[in-house]
C-alpha cells in the first residue's frame, strides 16, 4: 500500500509539474483550482517527506504553501478564502470555515504550517500559525459544531510533538516505518542525516527526551511519556 501510494503521488507530481488544476471540462480544458486543491496537495508533499525523507517534496511543499498564502490569504478576515483573491466570482461567501466531507482547508493549512515550522525552524511559519490560530478561536465560538477539525489541529499545535531521526540513512530506515505507522499525522517527523550512529529524540513543547538508540527505547518513551 505504501509503495502504491508513493507511486500515485509521483504521478500527481508529473501532472502538476507546471500548474495545479481542479479538473478537466469536456474539452479537456483545465478548470481553475480552489484552496482545497493547493492545501491537500501540499499535505501529500509533506507526507512524502515524513515517510520517505524526500527533500524534493519538502522543498516543493514549502514553495506551494508560500504561494497558497499569497493567492488565498484574506487580510480582512485573516483567513484563507476558498477561491483566489483575484477571482472573487463565487456566488457564496468565499470565506468558508465549515468542515464538510473532509476537514476544511484552513485547518489543514495550519497543520502543515506546524510541521514546516518544526522542520525548517523558520519564523514565517510561526507567524502564520499565530495569525490563523487567533482567527480560528474567534470563529469556533460561533461555529463549534461544524469545526471539529480545527479543535483537533489546534490541539496538535499546542502539544507540538516532534520526532527527529539522527544518523545514517540506512540505520534510520530500519526503524522509521514502525514508528511512522503508529504516529504519522499527529507528530512532525524530522530527518537529520549524519554519519553518526543512529538515535532519535522526541520533543513535546520543547521538552525533549534523551537520545533514544533503538526501536524499543523509542516505543517505551512514547508509551510512558506521550500516552
Protein backbone atom coordinates (compact mmCIF):
# COMPACT_ATOMS: atom_id res chain seq x y z
CA UNK A 1 0.00 0.00 0.00
CA UNK A 2 2.84 2.39 0.86
CA UNK A 3 4.59 1.70 -2.44
CA UNK A 4 1.37 2.21 -4.41
CA UNK A 5 0.67 5.47 -2.56
CA UNK A 6 4.16 6.81 -3.32
CA UNK A 7 3.74 5.93 -6.99
CA UNK A 8 0.35 7.71 -7.09
CA UNK A 9 1.87 10.83 -5.58
CA UNK A 10 4.70 10.73 -8.12
CA UNK A 11 2.10 10.55 -10.90
CA UNK A 12 0.36 13.61 -9.44
CA UNK A 13 3.70 15.42 -9.30
CA UNK A 14 4.15 14.80 -13.01
CA UNK A 15 0.65 16.09 -13.80
CA UNK A 16 1.04 19.15 -11.60
CA UNK A 17 4.55 19.98 -12.78
CA UNK A 18 3.57 23.22 -14.50
CA UNK A 19 0.21 24.09 -12.95
CA UNK A 20 -2.25 22.74 -10.40
CA UNK A 21 -5.76 22.22 -11.77
CA UNK A 22 -9.03 21.13 -10.22
CA UNK A 23 -10.41 19.00 -13.06
CA UNK A 24 -10.97 18.99 -16.82
CA UNK A 25 -14.08 20.02 -18.67
CA UNK A 26 -15.46 18.05 -21.64
CA UNK A 27 -12.98 19.71 -23.99
CA UNK A 28 -10.04 18.71 -21.77
CA UNK A 29 -9.52 22.30 -20.66
CA UNK A 30 -8.14 22.79 -17.17
CA UNK A 31 -10.52 24.20 -14.54
CA UNK A 32 -9.04 26.72 -12.12
CA UNK A 33 -8.49 25.48 -8.60
CA UNK A 34 -9.65 26.23 -5.07
CA UNK A 35 -7.81 26.49 -1.77
CA UNK A 36 -8.53 22.81 -1.03
CA UNK A 37 -6.59 21.69 -4.12
CA UNK A 38 -3.47 23.57 -3.09
CA UNK A 39 -3.65 22.57 0.56
CA UNK A 40 -4.35 18.87 0.14
CA UNK A 41 -1.62 18.60 -2.50
CA UNK A 42 0.75 20.30 -0.02
CA UNK A 43 -0.28 17.70 2.56
CA UNK A 44 0.71 14.92 0.16
CA UNK A 45 4.09 16.57 -0.38
CA UNK A 46 4.89 16.98 3.33
CA UNK A 47 3.76 13.39 3.87
CA UNK A 48 6.25 12.24 1.20
CA UNK A 49 8.99 13.94 3.20
CA UNK A 50 7.88 12.43 6.50
CA UNK A 51 7.57 8.85 5.27
CA UNK A 52 10.39 8.84 2.73
CA UNK A 53 12.86 11.58 3.73
CA UNK A 54 12.14 13.17 0.35
CA UNK A 55 13.81 16.61 0.39
CA UNK A 56 12.49 17.50 -3.07
CA UNK A 57 8.90 17.03 -1.86
CA UNK A 58 9.68 19.12 1.22
CA UNK A 59 11.05 21.98 -0.89
CA UNK A 60 8.09 21.79 -3.26
CA UNK A 61 5.69 21.83 -0.31
CA UNK A 62 7.36 24.96 1.08
CA UNK A 63 7.08 26.75 -2.27
CA UNK A 64 3.46 25.70 -2.72
CA UNK A 65 2.46 26.73 0.81
CA UNK A 66 4.03 30.16 0.33
CA UNK A 67 2.22 30.55 -2.99
CA UNK A 68 -1.06 29.45 -1.37
CA UNK A 69 -0.72 32.20 1.23
CA UNK A 70 -0.17 34.80 -1.49
CA UNK A 71 -3.12 33.59 -3.58
CA UNK A 72 -5.73 32.92 -0.90
CA UNK A 73 -5.00 34.80 2.34
CA UNK A 74 -7.73 37.34 3.01
CA UNK A 75 -6.26 40.13 5.15
CA UNK A 76 -9.67 41.45 6.18
CA UNK A 77 -10.75 38.13 7.74
CA UNK A 78 -7.22 36.88 8.48
CA UNK A 79 -8.16 33.53 6.95
CA UNK A 80 -7.53 31.71 3.70
CA UNK A 81 -10.52 32.09 1.43
CA UNK A 82 -11.83 29.33 -0.82
CA UNK A 83 -11.12 30.90 -4.22
CA UNK A 84 -8.21 33.05 -5.34
CA UNK A 85 -8.26 36.67 -4.23
CA UNK A 86 -8.02 37.88 -7.82
CA UNK A 87 -11.02 35.77 -8.92
CA UNK A 88 -13.81 36.56 -6.46
CA UNK A 89 -16.53 35.04 -8.60
CA UNK A 90 -18.24 32.62 -6.25
CA UNK A 91 -21.96 33.02 -5.59
CA UNK A 92 -21.42 32.46 -1.88
CA UNK A 93 -19.11 33.99 0.71
CA UNK A 94 -15.59 32.91 -0.31
CA UNK A 95 -14.56 32.58 3.35
CA UNK A 96 -15.65 29.05 4.28
CA UNK A 97 -14.79 27.78 7.78
CA UNK A 98 -17.05 24.72 7.96
CA UNK A 99 -15.91 21.08 7.79
CA UNK A 100 -17.77 19.06 5.18
CA UNK A 101 -16.86 15.60 3.84
CA UNK A 102 -13.22 16.38 4.51
CA UNK A 103 -11.61 18.76 7.06
CA UNK A 104 -11.67 22.39 6.00
CA UNK A 105 -8.61 23.52 4.04
CA UNK A 106 -7.86 26.27 6.57
CA UNK A 107 -7.32 23.74 9.34
CA UNK A 108 -5.14 21.52 7.13
CA UNK A 109 -3.07 24.55 6.15
CA UNK A 110 -2.44 25.19 9.85
CA UNK A 111 -1.39 21.55 10.36
CA UNK A 112 1.18 21.82 7.56
CA UNK A 113 2.41 25.18 8.89
CA UNK A 114 3.08 23.50 12.23
CA UNK A 115 5.06 20.72 10.54
CA UNK A 116 7.07 23.18 8.43
CA UNK A 117 7.78 25.33 11.48
CA UNK A 118 9.21 22.29 13.27
CA UNK A 119 11.17 21.03 10.26
CA UNK A 120 12.61 24.33 8.99
CA UNK A 121 12.58 26.43 12.19
CA UNK A 122 11.67 29.45 10.03
CA UNK A 123 9.87 32.30 11.77
CA UNK A 124 7.48 32.90 8.85
CA UNK A 125 5.63 29.64 9.59
CA UNK A 126 5.34 30.51 13.29
CA UNK A 127 3.85 33.87 12.29
CA UNK A 128 1.24 32.17 10.11
CA UNK A 129 0.38 29.76 12.93
CA UNK A 130 -0.22 32.68 15.28
CA UNK A 131 -2.44 34.56 12.79
CA UNK A 132 -4.58 31.54 11.88
CA UNK A 133 -4.87 30.23 15.43
CA UNK A 134 -6.27 33.55 16.67
CA UNK A 135 -8.79 33.65 13.83
CA UNK A 136 -9.85 30.04 14.41
CA UNK A 137 -10.53 30.67 18.10
CA UNK A 138 -12.74 33.61 17.19
CA UNK A 139 -14.81 31.55 14.73
CA UNK A 140 -15.05 28.42 16.91
CA UNK A 141 -17.14 30.32 19.46
CA UNK A 142 -19.98 30.66 16.95
CA UNK A 143 -19.41 27.55 14.78
CA UNK A 144 -18.31 24.93 17.31
CA UNK A 145 -20.37 22.03 15.96
CA UNK A 146 -19.06 22.47 12.41
CA UNK A 147 -15.36 22.98 13.14
CA UNK A 148 -14.14 19.76 14.73
CA UNK A 149 -11.01 19.54 12.57
CA UNK A 150 -9.87 22.91 13.91
CA UNK A 151 -10.14 21.71 17.50
CA UNK A 152 -8.02 18.65 16.74
CA UNK A 153 -5.35 20.57 14.85
CA UNK A 154 -5.18 23.40 17.38
CA UNK A 155 -4.57 20.68 19.97
CA UNK A 156 -1.80 19.17 17.79
CA UNK A 157 -0.17 22.61 17.51
CA UNK A 158 -0.43 23.18 21.25
CA UNK A 159 1.16 19.82 22.16
CA UNK A 160 3.63 20.16 19.26
CA UNK A 161 5.29 16.75 19.34
CA UNK A 162 8.32 16.15 17.11
CA UNK A 163 10.34 13.02 16.38
CA UNK A 164 13.80 13.69 14.95
CA UNK A 165 15.84 10.86 13.44
CA UNK A 166 19.62 11.31 13.54
CA UNK A 167 22.28 9.20 11.82
CA UNK A 168 22.90 7.32 8.61
CA UNK A 169 20.04 6.90 6.18
CA UNK A 170 20.13 3.09 6.20
CA UNK A 171 20.02 2.96 10.02
CA UNK A 172 17.09 5.39 10.11
CA UNK A 173 15.22 3.33 7.50
CA UNK A 174 15.43 0.23 9.71
CA UNK A 175 13.32 1.77 12.48
CA UNK A 176 11.27 4.58 10.95
CA UNK A 177 8.50 2.52 9.33
CA UNK A 178 7.26 1.02 12.58
CA UNK A 179 7.22 4.40 14.32
CA UNK A 180 5.65 6.32 11.44
CA UNK A 181 2.97 3.67 11.03
CA UNK A 182 1.75 4.31 14.58
CA UNK A 183 2.11 8.06 14.95
CA UNK A 184 2.03 9.63 11.48
CA UNK A 185 -0.10 12.77 11.33
CA UNK A 186 -0.24 13.84 14.98
CA UNK A 187 3.51 14.47 15.22
CA UNK A 188 6.13 16.07 13.00
CA UNK A 189 8.81 13.77 11.57
CA UNK A 190 12.23 15.39 11.05
CA UNK A 191 15.37 13.90 9.49
CA UNK A 192 18.95 14.83 10.38
CA UNK A 193 21.15 12.64 8.19
CA UNK A 194 24.70 12.40 9.51
CA UNK A 195 27.49 9.83 9.67
CA UNK A 196 26.93 9.35 13.40
CA UNK A 197 25.35 6.24 14.89
CA UNK A 198 21.55 6.23 14.93
CA UNK A 199 19.50 7.85 17.65
CA UNK A 200 16.14 9.59 17.88
CA UNK A 201 14.91 12.49 20.01
CA UNK A 202 11.25 13.08 20.87
CA UNK A 203 10.14 16.54 21.99
CA UNK A 204 6.83 17.85 23.29
CA UNK A 205 6.57 21.61 23.71
CA UNK A 206 10.38 21.87 23.67
CA UNK A 207 10.78 19.30 26.46
CA UNK A 208 12.94 16.60 24.88
CA UNK A 209 13.95 13.03 25.60
CA UNK A 210 17.48 11.78 25.92
CA UNK A 211 18.98 10.06 22.89
CA UNK A 212 16.84 7.01 22.10
CA UNK A 213 19.06 4.47 20.40
CA UNK A 214 16.68 1.65 19.47
CA UNK A 215 13.12 0.96 18.39
CA UNK A 216 12.42 -0.47 21.87
CA UNK A 217 13.62 2.71 23.60
CA UNK A 218 11.52 4.88 21.29
CA UNK A 219 8.39 2.77 21.88
CA UNK A 220 8.91 2.74 25.65
CA UNK A 221 9.35 6.51 25.77
CA UNK A 222 6.19 7.05 23.74
CA UNK A 223 4.17 4.72 25.99
CA UNK A 224 5.46 6.28 29.21
CA UNK A 225 5.54 9.98 28.28
CA UNK A 226 3.08 10.55 25.44
CA UNK A 227 0.15 8.18 26.05
